[in-house]
Amino acid sequence: MRNYPVKLADLVIANGQTESNAISLLKTRYRGLAIFSPGTLTGTITVEVSPDGTNFMTLRSGSSDVAIAIDECVVVDFVAYQEIRLKSGSAEGDERTFQVRAVEEF
């Protein structure tokens, strides 16, 4: 089995908003995701996932929410959900773009 890095669509939280767009992971062979945060954030950013593309819930690792800080890369090792998005604890003061990469198995 081979692994290939893949650039996915960016997750973007618009100015004045708290939620990003969602990226669909349905019918993919992604083994893991890396999310790269920008150098400025207004609120605390958490990762949300959806099993059905409609209902989102906070992604947790053990007993902690998966959060992303300023200038940080967070790796999500196991992709077992249909969509992923980000949520800020407060309205962002400008547009925030998070680059997303995946490892795809063939």
C-alpha atoms as a PDB file:
ATOM      1  CA  MET A   1       0.000   0.000   0.000  1.00  0.00           C
ATOM      2  CA  ARG A   2       1.326   3.469  -0.897  1.00  0.00           C
ATOM      3  CA  ASN A   3       0.632   6.814   0.733  1.00  0.00           C
ATOM      4  CA  TYR A   4       0.368  10.070  -1.216  1.00  0.00           C
ATOM      5  CA  PRO A   5       0.073  13.635   0.125  1.00  0.00           C
ATOM      6  CA  VAL A   6      -2.967  15.511  -1.177  1.00  0.00           C
ATOM      7  CA  LYS A   7      -3.838  19.231  -0.895  1.00  0.00           C
ATOM      8  CA  LEU A   8      -7.499  19.653  -0.008  1.00  0.00           C
ATOM      9  CA  ALA A   9      -9.685  22.749  -0.153  1.00  0.00           C
ATOM     10  CA  ASP A  10      -8.914  25.379   2.475  1.00  0.00           C
ATOM     11  CA  LEU A  11     -11.146  25.733   5.514  1.00  0.00           C
ATOM     12  CA  VAL A  12     -12.096  29.432   5.691  1.00  0.00           C
ATOM     13  CA  ILE A  13     -13.853  31.322   8.474  1.00  0.00           C
ATOM     14  CA  ALA A  14     -15.229  34.540   6.976  1.00  0.00           C
ATOM     15  CA  ASN A  15     -14.825  37.926   8.672  1.00  0.00           C
ATOM     16  CA  GLY A  16     -17.378  38.250  11.492  1.00  0.00           C
ATOM     17  CA  GLN A  17     -18.327  34.556  11.401  1.00  0.00           C
ATOM     18  CA  THR A  18     -17.679  31.620  13.741  1.00  0.00           C
ATOM     19  CA  GLU A  19     -17.898  28.595  11.405  1.00  0.00           C
ATOM     20  CA  SER A  20     -15.819  27.634   8.382  1.00  0.00           C
ATOM     21  CA  ASN A  21     -16.950  25.934   5.235  1.00  0.00           C
ATOM     22  CA  ALA A  22     -17.011  22.132   5.441  1.00  0.00           C
ATOM     23  CA  ILE A  23     -14.844  19.693   3.497  1.00  0.00           C
ATOM     24  CA  SER A  24     -16.475  16.465   2.371  1.00  0.00           C
ATOM     25  CA  LEU A  25     -14.470  13.334   3.080  1.00  0.00           C
ATOM     26  CA  LEU A  26     -17.091  10.919   1.773  1.00  0.00           C
ATOM     27  CA  LYS A  27     -15.692   8.091  -0.370  1.00  0.00           C
ATOM     28  CA  THR A  28     -12.066   9.059   0.185  1.00  0.00           C
ATOM     29  CA  ARG A  29      -9.107   6.972   1.267  1.00  0.00           C
ATOM     30  CA  TYR A  30      -7.589   9.564   3.567  1.00  0.00           C
ATOM     31  CA  ARG A  31      -5.677   8.056   6.448  1.00  0.00           C
ATOM     32  CA  GLY A  32      -5.003  11.350   8.174  1.00  0.00           C
ATOM     33  CA  LEU A  33      -5.403  15.118   7.886  1.00  0.00           C
ATOM     34  CA  ALA A  34      -3.084  18.009   8.735  1.00  0.00           C
ATOM     35  CA  ILE A  35      -4.685  21.411   9.391  1.00  0.00           C
ATOM     36  CA  PHE A  36      -2.397  24.474   9.335  1.00  0.00           C
ATOM     37  CA  SER A  37      -3.609  27.593  11.161  1.00  0.00           C
ATOM     38  CA  PRO A  38      -2.925  31.238  10.257  1.00  0.00           C
ATOM     39  CA  GLY A  39      -0.800  33.641  12.314  1.00  0.00           C
ATOM     40  CA  THR A  40      -3.775  35.551  13.737  1.00  0.00           C
ATOM     41  CA  LEU A  41      -6.961  34.256  15.348  1.00  0.00           C
ATOM     42  CA  THR A  42      -9.667  36.032  17.329  1.00  0.00           C
ATOM     43  CA  GLY A  43     -11.282  33.064  19.059  1.00  0.00           C
ATOM     44  CA  THR A  44     -10.404  29.566  20.208  1.00  0.00           C
ATOM     45  CA  ILE A  45     -10.671  27.221  17.215  1.00  0.00           C
ATOM     46  CA  THR A  46     -12.083  23.722  17.610  1.00  0.00           C
ATOM     47  CA  VAL A  47     -12.554  20.973  15.036  1.00  0.00           C
ATOM     48  CA  GLU A  48     -16.080  19.769  14.269  1.00  0.00           C
ATOM     49  CA  VAL A  49     -17.023  16.624  12.353  1.00  0.00           C
ATOM     50  CA  SER A  50     -20.246  15.248  10.904  1.00  0.00           C
ATOM     51  CA  PRO A  51     -21.258  11.631  10.361  1.00  0.00           C
ATOM     52  CA  ASP A  52     -23.991  12.634   7.892  1.00  0.00           C
ATOM     53  CA  GLY A  53     -23.022  16.026   6.408  1.00  0.00           C
ATOM     54  CA  THR A  54     -25.745  17.811   8.407  1.00  0.00           C
ATOM     55  CA  ASN A  55     -25.192  17.398  12.144  1.00  0.00           C
ATOM     56  CA  PHE A  56     -21.796  18.608  13.395  1.00  0.00           C
ATOM     57  CA  MET A  57     -20.214  17.821  16.750  1.00  0.00           C
ATOM     58  CA  THR A  58     -16.921  18.724  18.428  1.00  0.00           C
ATOM     59  CA  LEU A  59     -14.091  16.290  17.686  1.00  0.00           C
ATOM     60  CA  ARG A  60     -12.505  15.017  20.892  1.00  0.00           C
ATOM     61  CA  SER A  61      -9.296  13.158  21.591  1.00  0.00           C
ATOM     62  CA  GLY A  62      -9.573  11.341  24.882  1.00  0.00           C
ATOM     63  CA  SER A  63     -11.305  13.798  27.202  1.00  0.00           C
ATOM     64  CA  SER A  64     -10.189  16.982  25.380  1.00  0.00           C
ATOM     65  CA  ASP A  65     -11.588  18.931  22.442  1.00  0.00           C
ATOM     66  CA  VAL A  66      -9.294  18.999  19.401  1.00  0.00           C
ATOM     67  CA  ALA A  67      -8.286  22.678  19.234  1.00  0.00           C
ATOM     68  CA  ILE A  68      -6.002  24.646  16.915  1.00  0.00           C
ATOM     69  CA  ALA A  69      -3.840  27.527  18.145  1.00  0.00           C
ATOM     70  CA  ILE A  70      -2.126  30.336  16.199  1.00  0.00           C
ATOM     71  CA  ASP A  71       0.576  29.183  13.730  1.00  0.00           C
ATOM     72  CA  GLU A  72       0.027  25.535  14.552  1.00  0.00           C
ATOM     73  CA  CYS A  73      -0.446  22.304  12.634  1.00  0.00           C
ATOM     74  CA  VAL A  74      -2.898  19.797  14.063  1.00  0.00           C
ATOM     75  CA  VAL A  75      -2.879  16.224  12.772  1.00  0.00           C
ATOM     76  CA  VAL A  76      -6.055  14.151  12.823  1.00  0.00           C
ATOM     77  CA  ASP A  77      -4.904  10.551  12.432  1.00  0.00           C
ATOM     78  CA  PHE A  78      -8.097   8.661  11.776  1.00  0.00           C
ATOM     79  CA  VAL A  79     -10.736   9.895   9.341  1.00  0.00           C
ATOM     80  CA  ALA A  80     -14.065   8.198  10.103  1.00  0.00           C
ATOM     81  CA  TYR A  81     -16.600  10.931   9.365  1.00  0.00           C
ATOM     82  CA  GLN A  82     -18.278  12.453   6.323  1.00  0.00           C
ATOM     83  CA  GLU A  83     -17.362  16.140   6.737  1.00  0.00           C
ATOM     84  CA  ILE A  84     -15.036  18.346   8.762  1.00  0.00           C
ATOM     85  CA  ARG A  85     -15.160  22.069   9.579  1.00  0.00           C
ATOM     86  CA  LEU A  86     -13.758  24.523  12.123  1.00  0.00           C
ATOM     87  CA  LYS A  87     -15.552  26.599  14.735  1.00  0.00           C
ATOM     88  CA  SER A  88     -14.314  29.723  16.495  1.00  0.00           C
ATOM     89  CA  GLY A  89     -15.387  30.512  20.038  1.00  0.00           C
ATOM     90  CA  SER A  90     -16.031  34.114  18.932  1.00  0.00           C
ATOM     91  CA  ALA A  91     -16.605  35.966  15.669  1.00  0.00           C
ATOM     92  CA  GLU A  92     -13.330  36.253  13.769  1.00  0.00           C
ATOM     93  CA  GLY A  93     -12.041  39.810  13.208  1.00  0.00           C
ATOM     94  CA  ASP A  94     -10.948  39.048   9.629  1.00  0.00           C
ATOM     95  CA  GLU A  95     -11.078  36.179   7.150  1.00  0.00           C
ATOM     96  CA  ARG A  96      -9.070  33.202   8.481  1.00  0.00           C
ATOM     97  CA  THR A  97      -7.735  30.574   6.070  1.00  0.00           C
ATOM     98  CA  PHE A  98      -6.566  27.153   7.241  1.00  0.00           C
ATOM     99  CA  GLN A  99      -4.690  24.989   4.743  1.00  0.00           C
ATOM    100  CA  VAL A 100      -5.563  21.280   4.795  1.00  0.00           C
ATOM    101  CA  ARG A 101      -3.462  18.337   3.625  1.00  0.00           C
ATOM    102  CA  ALA A 102      -4.294  14.643   3.648  1.00  0.00           C
ATOM    103  CA  VAL A 103      -2.464  11.351   3.307  1.00  0.00           C
ATOM    104  CA  GLU A 104      -4.284   9.153   0.819  1.00  0.00           C
ATOM    105  CA  GLU A 105      -3.766   5.393   0.707  1.00  0.00           C
ATOM    106  CA  PHE A 106      -3.712   3.427  -2.534  1.00  0.00           C
END
